[in-house]
Amino acid sequence: MTDTARVAVVTGASSGIGAATTRRLAADGWQVVATARRLDRLGALAADTPGVVPCALDVTDARSVEALADAAPRVDLLVANAGGAYEMSPVADADVPTWAQTYDVNVLGTVRTVQALLPALRQARGQVVLTGSTAGRWAYEGGGAYVAAKHALVALRETLRLELVESGIRVSEVAPGMVRTEEFSLVRFDGDQARADAVYEGVEPLTAEDIADAIAWVASRPAHVNIDLVQLTPQQQAAVHKVVRRQP
């Protein structure tokens, strides 16, 4: 990592949107600190992508986040992407510890990471890009935990924008709708591949690369431009309840 290179930190970089964003930013000339719990996957990503430095990170562990700050003394861009959904139960049947896990990963993990990297971001007059979701605006049955967490992320982004504007730090959110990645729905349905596949049946969903493209565009704007929110959905998804599915 050179002294003059722009440095981006990407959380949740071992798969999906995080991995695609890491590859895209590296291709755009960024030095990327790619972080996640699965260091083996990060190592493979770094081996295939020049300009990438792997760094183990668990955003739910305060010590792990503190170690990230030591490993990344310069940060021009933080892509706070780590997150996930872990169930589809109605609120009446919800598992409260799963709700707590969802909030910890998606919201508190972002807070920990921003706090740890804020001194470096202040010094660089850098940028924070949060990976949100249309779930931060659209509620749906069975989505309570994830919807609540992503609504909280919207509030976090708006609050950070107000609190950091005087420091020159830009704060943005990229909020995708239906995105097909290798793990998101599979994790949500506890490994049930058929249920995960059914989510995207008859739809051409967004890809991880589509979201990475949006994040890279936000990060490439001039320093005087703050993109508050980019929301993108598949053409076939007009709302959470309005998805046009084509017959095979």
C-alpha atoms as a PDB file:
ATOM      1  CA  MET A   1       0.000   0.000   0.000  1.00  0.00           C
ATOM      2  CA  THR A   2       1.594   3.265  -1.163  1.00  0.00           C
ATOM      3  CA  ASP A   3       1.641   6.499   0.803  1.00  0.00           C
ATOM      4  CA  THR A   4      -0.249   8.388  -1.900  1.00  0.00           C
ATOM      5  CA  ALA A   5      -2.934   5.840  -2.763  1.00  0.00           C
ATOM      6  CA  ARG A   6      -6.539   6.440  -1.882  1.00  0.00           C
ATOM      7  CA  VAL A   7      -7.539   3.855   0.703  1.00  0.00           C
ATOM      8  CA  ALA A   8     -10.973   2.274   0.922  1.00  0.00           C
ATOM      9  CA  VAL A   9     -12.126  -0.046   3.709  1.00  0.00           C
ATOM     10  CA  VAL A  10     -14.893  -2.452   2.715  1.00  0.00           C
ATOM     11  CA  THR A  11     -16.662  -4.500   5.389  1.00  0.00           C
ATOM     12  CA  GLY A  12     -18.418  -7.757   4.606  1.00  0.00           C
ATOM     13  CA  ALA A  13     -16.022  -8.248   1.694  1.00  0.00           C
ATOM     14  CA  SER A  14     -15.805 -12.043   1.650  1.00  0.00           C
ATOM     15  CA  SER A  15     -18.772 -12.526  -0.702  1.00  0.00           C
ATOM     16  CA  GLY A  16     -21.616 -10.863  -2.563  1.00  0.00           C
ATOM     17  CA  ILE A  17     -21.804  -7.081  -2.720  1.00  0.00           C
ATOM     18  CA  GLY A  18     -18.716  -6.614  -0.544  1.00  0.00           C
ATOM     19  CA  ALA A  19     -16.516  -8.794  -2.752  1.00  0.00           C
ATOM     20  CA  ALA A  20     -17.854  -7.169  -5.925  1.00  0.00           C
ATOM     21  CA  THR A  21     -17.280  -3.696  -4.465  1.00  0.00           C
ATOM     22  CA  THR A  22     -13.730  -4.626  -3.489  1.00  0.00           C
ATOM     23  CA  ARG A  23     -12.962  -5.767  -7.024  1.00  0.00           C
ATOM     24  CA  ARG A  24     -14.571  -2.685  -8.566  1.00  0.00           C
ATOM     25  CA  LEU A  25     -12.801  -0.169  -6.338  1.00  0.00           C
ATOM     26  CA  ALA A  26      -9.459  -1.903  -6.897  1.00  0.00           C
ATOM     27  CA  ALA A  27     -10.044  -1.729 -10.656  1.00  0.00           C
ATOM     28  CA  ASP A  28     -10.721   2.003 -10.244  1.00  0.00           C
ATOM     29  CA  GLY A  29      -7.323   2.487  -8.617  1.00  0.00           C
ATOM     30  CA  TRP A  30      -8.172   2.352  -4.929  1.00  0.00           C
ATOM     31  CA  GLN A  31      -6.084   0.475  -2.409  1.00  0.00           C
ATOM     32  CA  VAL A  32      -8.711  -1.652  -0.674  1.00  0.00           C
ATOM     33  CA  VAL A  33      -8.619  -3.070   2.833  1.00  0.00           C
ATOM     34  CA  ALA A  34     -11.085  -5.930   2.429  1.00  0.00           C
ATOM     35  CA  THR A  35     -12.540  -7.066   5.739  1.00  0.00           C
ATOM     36  CA  ALA A  36     -14.742  -9.937   6.914  1.00  0.00           C
ATOM     37  CA  ARG A  37     -14.717 -12.829   9.353  1.00  0.00           C
ATOM     38  CA  ARG A  38     -13.711 -15.403   6.738  1.00  0.00           C
ATOM     39  CA  LEU A  39     -10.046 -14.640   6.193  1.00  0.00           C
ATOM     40  CA  ASP A  40      -9.602 -17.592   3.819  1.00  0.00           C
ATOM     41  CA  ARG A  41     -12.056 -16.069   1.372  1.00  0.00           C
ATOM     42  CA  LEU A  42     -10.438 -12.663   1.704  1.00  0.00           C
ATOM     43  CA  GLY A  43      -7.068 -14.223   0.959  1.00  0.00           C
ATOM     44  CA  ALA A  44      -8.408 -15.732  -2.241  1.00  0.00           C
ATOM     45  CA  LEU A  45      -9.967 -12.396  -3.209  1.00  0.00           C
ATOM     46  CA  ALA A  46      -6.692 -10.559  -2.577  1.00  0.00           C
ATOM     47  CA  ALA A  47      -4.717 -13.141  -4.550  1.00  0.00           C
ATOM     48  CA  ASP A  48      -6.917 -12.513  -7.592  1.00  0.00           C
ATOM     49  CA  THR A  49      -7.237  -8.731  -7.181  1.00  0.00           C
ATOM     50  CA  PRO A  50      -4.158  -6.470  -7.155  1.00  0.00           C
ATOM     51  CA  GLY A  51      -4.389  -3.631  -4.667  1.00  0.00           C
ATOM     52  CA  VAL A  52      -6.379  -5.568  -2.059  1.00  0.00           C
ATOM     53  CA  VAL A  53      -5.199  -6.179   1.504  1.00  0.00           C
ATOM     54  CA  PRO A  54      -7.200  -8.746   3.524  1.00  0.00           C
ATOM     55  CA  CYS A  55      -8.009  -8.009   7.156  1.00  0.00           C
ATOM     56  CA  ALA A  56     -10.048 -10.171   9.531  1.00  0.00           C
ATOM     57  CA  LEU A  57     -12.990  -8.295  11.046  1.00  0.00           C
ATOM     58  CA  ASP A  58     -16.051  -9.171  13.087  1.00  0.00           C
ATOM     59  CA  VAL A  59     -18.160  -6.012  13.306  1.00  0.00           C
ATOM     60  CA  THR A  60     -19.962  -7.395  16.367  1.00  0.00           C
ATOM     61  CA  ASP A  61     -16.672  -7.618  18.317  1.00  0.00           C
ATOM     62  CA  ALA A  62     -15.376  -4.305  19.681  1.00  0.00           C
ATOM     63  CA  ARG A  63     -11.783  -5.560  19.923  1.00  0.00           C
ATOM     64  CA  SER A  64     -11.831  -6.754  16.332  1.00  0.00           C
ATOM     65  CA  VAL A  65     -13.065  -3.343  15.173  1.00  0.00           C
ATOM     66  CA  GLU A  66     -10.374  -1.587  17.223  1.00  0.00           C
ATOM     67  CA  ALA A  67      -7.742  -3.770  15.554  1.00  0.00           C
ATOM     68  CA  LEU A  68      -9.064  -2.667  12.158  1.00  0.00           C
ATOM     69  CA  ALA A  69      -8.399   0.962  13.069  1.00  0.00           C
ATOM     70  CA  ASP A  70      -4.789   0.053  13.862  1.00  0.00           C
ATOM     71  CA  ALA A  71      -4.464  -1.813  10.551  1.00  0.00           C
ATOM     72  CA  ALA A  72      -5.886   1.074   8.501  1.00  0.00           C
ATOM     73  CA  PRO A  73      -4.336   4.346   9.718  1.00  0.00           C
ATOM     74  CA  ARG A  74      -5.439   6.086   6.513  1.00  0.00           C
ATOM     75  CA  VAL A  75      -9.054   5.830   5.323  1.00  0.00           C
ATOM     76  CA  ASP A  76     -10.442   7.909   2.461  1.00  0.00           C
ATOM     77  CA  LEU A  77     -13.563   5.791   2.003  1.00  0.00           C
ATOM     78  CA  LEU A  78     -15.486   3.442   4.269  1.00  0.00           C
ATOM     79  CA  VAL A  79     -17.990   1.149   2.587  1.00  0.00           C
ATOM     80  CA  ALA A  80     -19.969  -0.174   5.561  1.00  0.00           C
ATOM     81  CA  ASN A  81     -21.452  -3.201   3.861  1.00  0.00           C
ATOM     82  CA  ALA A  82     -21.473  -5.934   6.529  1.00  0.00           C
ATOM     83  CA  GLY A  83     -25.016  -7.070   7.209  1.00  0.00           C
ATOM     84  CA  GLY A  84     -27.552  -9.791   6.695  1.00  0.00           C
ATOM     85  CA  ALA A  85     -31.026 -11.196   7.304  1.00  0.00           C
ATOM     86  CA  TYR A  86     -31.490 -14.335   9.360  1.00  0.00           C
ATOM     87  CA  GLU A  87     -35.190 -15.225   9.437  1.00  0.00           C
ATOM     88  CA  MET A  88     -38.617 -14.653   7.860  1.00  0.00           C
ATOM     89  CA  SER A  89     -40.873 -15.142  10.886  1.00  0.00           C
ATOM     90  CA  PRO A  90     -43.886 -12.935  11.626  1.00  0.00           C
ATOM     91  CA  VAL A  91     -43.403 -10.718  14.652  1.00  0.00           C
ATOM     92  CA  ALA A  92     -45.790 -12.882  16.701  1.00  0.00           C
ATOM     93  CA  ASP A  93     -43.438 -15.852  16.290  1.00  0.00           C
ATOM     94  CA  ALA A  94     -40.147 -13.977  16.135  1.00  0.00           C
ATOM     95  CA  ASP A  95     -37.054 -15.186  17.935  1.00  0.00           C
ATOM     96  CA  VAL A  96     -35.871 -12.176  19.929  1.00  0.00           C
ATOM     97  CA  PRO A  97     -32.185 -13.241  19.976  1.00  0.00           C
ATOM     98  CA  THR A  98     -32.309 -13.377  16.162  1.00  0.00           C
ATOM     99  CA  TRP A  99     -33.674  -9.838  16.140  1.00  0.00           C
ATOM    100  CA  ALA A 100     -30.791  -8.812  18.393  1.00  0.00           C
ATOM    101  CA  GLN A 101     -28.288 -10.497  16.053  1.00  0.00           C
ATOM    102  CA  THR A 102     -29.806  -8.716  13.050  1.00  0.00           C
ATOM    103  CA  TYR A 103     -29.589  -5.341  14.777  1.00  0.00           C
ATOM    104  CA  ASP A 104     -26.066  -5.998  16.048  1.00  0.00           C
ATOM    105  CA  VAL A 105     -24.672  -6.914  12.636  1.00  0.00           C
ATOM    106  CA  ASN A 106     -26.515  -4.357  10.514  1.00  0.00           C
ATOM    107  CA  VAL A 107     -26.668  -1.339  12.826  1.00  0.00           C
ATOM    108  CA  LEU A 108     -24.379  -1.584  15.849  1.00  0.00           C
ATOM    109  CA  GLY A 109     -21.640  -3.114  13.709  1.00  0.00           C
ATOM    110  CA  THR A 110     -21.829  -0.071  11.463  1.00  0.00           C
ATOM    111  CA  VAL A 111     -21.712   2.259  14.463  1.00  0.00           C
ATOM    112  CA  ARG A 112     -18.628   0.483  15.857  1.00  0.00           C
ATOM    113  CA  THR A 113     -16.847   0.646  12.520  1.00  0.00           C
ATOM    114  CA  VAL A 114     -17.627   4.316  11.922  1.00  0.00           C
ATOM    115  CA  GLN A 115     -16.503   5.234  15.440  1.00  0.00           C
ATOM    116  CA  ALA A 116     -13.216   3.364  15.066  1.00  0.00           C
ATOM    117  CA  LEU A 117     -12.351   4.820  11.652  1.00  0.00           C
ATOM    118  CA  LEU A 118     -13.671   8.329  12.228  1.00  0.00           C
ATOM    119  CA  PRO A 119     -10.311   9.855  13.224  1.00  0.00           C
ATOM    120  CA  ALA A 120      -8.782   8.653   9.943  1.00  0.00           C
ATOM    121  CA  LEU A 121     -11.837   9.747   7.973  1.00  0.00           C
ATOM    122  CA  ARG A 122     -11.667  13.201   9.555  1.00  0.00           C
ATOM    123  CA  GLN A 123      -8.015  13.542   8.657  1.00  0.00           C
ATOM    124  CA  ALA A 124      -8.704  12.579   5.050  1.00  0.00           C
ATOM    125  CA  ARG A 125     -11.993  14.528   4.802  1.00  0.00           C
ATOM    126  CA  GLY A 126     -13.231  11.196   3.571  1.00  0.00           C
ATOM    127  CA  GLN A 127     -16.501   9.498   2.767  1.00  0.00           C
ATOM    128  CA  VAL A 128     -18.826   6.921   4.325  1.00  0.00           C
ATOM    129  CA  VAL A 129     -21.078   4.818   2.101  1.00  0.00           C
ATOM    130  CA  LEU A 130     -23.610   2.591   3.856  1.00  0.00           C
ATOM    131  CA  THR A 131     -25.129  -0.415   2.115  1.00  0.00           C
ATOM    132  CA  GLY A 132     -28.782  -0.046   2.947  1.00  0.00           C
ATOM    133  CA  SER A 133     -31.849  -1.652   1.397  1.00  0.00           C
ATOM    134  CA  THR A 134     -35.305  -0.869   0.124  1.00  0.00           C
ATOM    135  CA  ALA A 135     -36.258  -2.620   3.381  1.00  0.00           C
ATOM    136  CA  GLY A 136     -35.295   0.693   4.975  1.00  0.00           C
ATOM    137  CA  ARG A 137     -38.373   2.184   3.280  1.00  0.00           C
ATOM    138  CA  TRP A 138     -40.679  -0.735   2.505  1.00  0.00           C
ATOM    139  CA  ALA A 139     -42.058  -2.944   5.262  1.00  0.00           C
ATOM    140  CA  TYR A 140     -43.195  -6.448   4.403  1.00  0.00           C
ATOM    141  CA  GLU A 141     -44.646  -9.441   6.197  1.00  0.00           C
ATOM    142  CA  GLY A 142     -42.005 -11.686   7.693  1.00  0.00           C
ATOM    143  CA  GLY A 143     -39.333  -9.051   7.327  1.00  0.00           C
ATOM    144  CA  GLY A 144     -39.657  -7.418  10.741  1.00  0.00           C
ATOM    145  CA  ALA A 145     -36.121  -7.837  12.040  1.00  0.00           C
ATOM    146  CA  TYR A 146     -34.403  -6.894   8.789  1.00  0.00           C
ATOM    147  CA  VAL A 147     -36.848  -4.077   8.031  1.00  0.00           C
ATOM    148  CA  ALA A 148     -36.354  -2.602  11.500  1.00  0.00           C
ATOM    149  CA  ALA A 149     -32.573  -2.798  11.186  1.00  0.00           C
ATOM    150  CA  LYS A 150     -32.500  -1.180   7.753  1.00  0.00           C
ATOM    151  CA  HIS A 151     -34.882   1.567   8.888  1.00  0.00           C
ATOM    152  CA  ALA A 152     -32.437   2.201  11.722  1.00  0.00           C
ATOM    153  CA  LEU A 153     -29.610   2.403   9.186  1.00  0.00           C
ATOM    154  CA  VAL A 154     -31.501   5.178   7.368  1.00  0.00           C
ATOM    155  CA  ALA A 155     -31.732   7.106  10.647  1.00  0.00           C
ATOM    156  CA  LEU A 156     -28.036   6.487  11.252  1.00  0.00           C
ATOM    157  CA  ARG A 157     -27.111   7.798   7.822  1.00  0.00           C
ATOM    158  CA  GLU A 158     -29.237  10.928   8.233  1.00  0.00           C
ATOM    159  CA  THR A 159     -27.791  11.577  11.701  1.00  0.00           C
ATOM    160  CA  LEU A 160     -24.201  11.089  10.546  1.00  0.00           C
ATOM    161  CA  ARG A 161     -24.822  13.467   7.648  1.00  0.00           C
ATOM    162  CA  LEU A 162     -25.873  16.180  10.097  1.00  0.00           C
ATOM    163  CA  GLU A 163     -23.103  15.505  12.591  1.00  0.00           C
ATOM    164  CA  LEU A 164     -20.212  15.214  10.121  1.00  0.00           C
ATOM    165  CA  VAL A 165     -21.043  17.910   7.581  1.00  0.00           C
ATOM    166  CA  GLU A 166     -18.731  20.461   9.227  1.00  0.00           C
ATOM    167  CA  SER A 167     -15.808  18.040   9.064  1.00  0.00           C
ATOM    168  CA  GLY A 168     -16.042  17.755   5.295  1.00  0.00           C
ATOM    169  CA  ILE A 169     -16.926  14.045   5.487  1.00  0.00           C
ATOM    170  CA  ARG A 170     -19.537  12.901   2.987  1.00  0.00           C
ATOM    171  CA  VAL A 171     -22.170  10.352   4.033  1.00  0.00           C
ATOM    172  CA  SER A 172     -24.174   8.337   1.523  1.00  0.00           C
ATOM    173  CA  GLU A 173     -26.400   5.288   1.281  1.00  0.00           C
ATOM    174  CA  VAL A 174     -26.840   2.838  -1.574  1.00  0.00           C
ATOM    175  CA  ALA A 175     -30.134   0.992  -1.089  1.00  0.00           C
ATOM    176  CA  PRO A 176     -30.831  -1.929  -3.436  1.00  0.00           C
ATOM    177  CA  GLY A 177     -34.010  -3.869  -3.869  1.00  0.00           C
ATOM    178  CA  MET A 178     -33.954  -7.485  -5.011  1.00  0.00           C
ATOM    179  CA  VAL A 179     -30.316  -8.567  -5.413  1.00  0.00           C
ATOM    180  CA  ARG A 180     -29.277 -12.130  -6.110  1.00  0.00           C
ATOM    181  CA  THR A 181     -26.035 -13.113  -4.395  1.00  0.00           C
ATOM    182  CA  GLU A 182     -24.744 -16.536  -3.495  1.00  0.00           C
ATOM    183  CA  GLU A 183     -25.564 -16.300   0.206  1.00  0.00           C
ATOM    184  CA  PHE A 184     -28.127 -13.665   1.241  1.00  0.00           C
ATOM    185  CA  SER A 185     -31.385 -15.591   0.753  1.00  0.00           C
ATOM    186  CA  LEU A 186     -29.742 -18.926   1.497  1.00  0.00           C
ATOM    187  CA  VAL A 187     -28.723 -17.661   4.945  1.00  0.00           C
ATOM    188  CA  ARG A 188     -32.149 -16.145   5.512  1.00  0.00           C
ATOM    189  CA  PHE A 189     -33.846 -19.470   4.778  1.00  0.00           C
ATOM    190  CA  ASP A 190     -31.388 -21.471   6.871  1.00  0.00           C
ATOM    191  CA  GLY A 191     -29.781 -23.216   3.911  1.00  0.00           C
ATOM    192  CA  ASP A 192     -33.015 -24.125   2.085  1.00  0.00           C
ATOM    193  CA  GLN A 193     -31.885 -23.735  -1.526  1.00  0.00           C
ATOM    194  CA  ALA A 194     -35.375 -24.221  -3.005  1.00  0.00           C
ATOM    195  CA  ARG A 195     -36.864 -21.396  -0.926  1.00  0.00           C
ATOM    196  CA  ALA A 196     -33.900 -19.160  -1.741  1.00  0.00           C
ATOM    197  CA  ASP A 197     -34.254 -19.821  -5.470  1.00  0.00           C
ATOM    198  CA  ALA A 198     -38.006 -19.136  -5.352  1.00  0.00           C
ATOM    199  CA  VAL A 199     -37.352 -15.528  -4.299  1.00  0.00           C
ATOM    200  CA  TYR A 200     -35.915 -14.776  -7.751  1.00  0.00           C
ATOM    201  CA  GLU A 201     -38.141 -17.033  -9.859  1.00  0.00           C
ATOM    202  CA  GLY A 202     -39.286 -15.277 -13.018  1.00  0.00           C
ATOM    203  CA  VAL A 203     -37.249 -12.152 -12.230  1.00  0.00           C
ATOM    204  CA  GLU A 204     -33.976 -10.789 -13.530  1.00  0.00           C
ATOM    205  CA  PRO A 205     -32.693  -9.405 -10.218  1.00  0.00           C
ATOM    206  CA  LEU A 206     -29.894  -6.981  -9.572  1.00  0.00           C
ATOM    207  CA  THR A 207     -26.422  -8.440  -9.244  1.00  0.00           C
ATOM    208  CA  ALA A 208     -23.665  -7.709  -6.764  1.00  0.00           C
ATOM    209  CA  GLU A 209     -21.811  -6.002  -9.598  1.00  0.00           C
ATOM    210  CA  ASP A 210     -24.760  -3.638 -10.164  1.00  0.00           C
ATOM    211  CA  ILE A 211     -24.532  -2.491  -6.553  1.00  0.00           C
ATOM    212  CA  ALA A 212     -20.748  -2.232  -6.705  1.00  0.00           C
ATOM    213  CA  ASP A 213     -21.140  -0.016  -9.770  1.00  0.00           C
ATOM    214  CA  ALA A 214     -23.470   2.306  -7.846  1.00  0.00           C
ATOM    215  CA  ILE A 215     -21.110   2.438  -4.851  1.00  0.00           C
ATOM    216  CA  ALA A 216     -18.147   3.203  -7.113  1.00  0.00           C
ATOM    217  CA  TRP A 217     -20.117   5.988  -8.800  1.00  0.00           C
ATOM    218  CA  VAL A 218     -21.020   7.548  -5.454  1.00  0.00           C
ATOM    219  CA  ALA A 219     -17.382   7.336  -4.353  1.00  0.00           C
ATOM    220  CA  SER A 220     -16.182   8.976  -7.568  1.00  0.00           C
ATOM    221  CA  ARG A 221     -18.160  12.214  -7.222  1.00  0.00           C
ATOM    222  CA  PRO A 222     -16.218  15.445  -6.607  1.00  0.00           C
ATOM    223  CA  ALA A 223     -15.587  16.383  -2.986  1.00  0.00           C
ATOM    224  CA  HIS A 224     -18.225  19.144  -3.069  1.00  0.00           C
ATOM    225  CA  VAL A 225     -20.966  16.663  -4.088  1.00  0.00           C
ATOM    226  CA  ASN A 226     -22.747  14.516  -1.495  1.00  0.00           C
ATOM    227  CA  ILE A 227     -25.012  11.801  -2.886  1.00  0.00           C
ATOM    228  CA  ASP A 228     -27.414  11.302  -0.001  1.00  0.00           C
ATOM    229  CA  LEU A 229     -29.202   8.225  -1.338  1.00  0.00           C
ATOM    230  CA  VAL A 230     -29.153   5.940  -4.359  1.00  0.00           C
ATOM    231  CA  GLN A 231     -32.053   3.482  -4.449  1.00  0.00           C
ATOM    232  CA  LEU A 232     -32.019   0.921  -7.250  1.00  0.00           C
ATOM    233  CA  THR A 233     -34.321  -1.967  -8.046  1.00  0.00           C
ATOM    234  CA  PRO A 234     -34.794  -4.479 -10.850  1.00  0.00           C
ATOM    235  CA  GLN A 235     -37.046  -3.176 -13.609  1.00  0.00           C
ATOM    236  CA  GLN A 236     -39.564  -5.873 -12.624  1.00  0.00           C
ATOM    237  CA  GLN A 237     -39.753  -4.704  -8.985  1.00  0.00           C
ATOM    238  CA  ALA A 238     -41.819  -1.549  -8.587  1.00  0.00           C
ATOM    239  CA  ALA A 239     -42.403  -2.098  -4.852  1.00  0.00           C
ATOM    240  CA  VAL A 240     -42.015  -4.839  -2.297  1.00  0.00           C
ATOM    241  CA  HIS A 241     -45.517  -6.091  -3.182  1.00  0.00           C
ATOM    242  CA  LYS A 242     -45.303  -5.320  -6.914  1.00  0.00           C
ATOM    243  CA  VAL A 243     -42.940  -7.750  -8.621  1.00  0.00           C
ATOM    244  CA  VAL A 244     -43.756  -8.837 -12.153  1.00  0.00           C
ATOM    245  CA  ARG A 245     -42.676 -12.452 -12.551  1.00  0.00           C
ATOM    246  CA  ARG A 246     -42.374 -13.811 -16.074  1.00  0.00           C
ATOM    247  CA  GLN A 247     -43.435 -17.358 -16.765  1.00  0.00           C
ATOM    248  CA  PRO A 248     -40.690 -19.736 -17.940  1.00  0.00           C
END
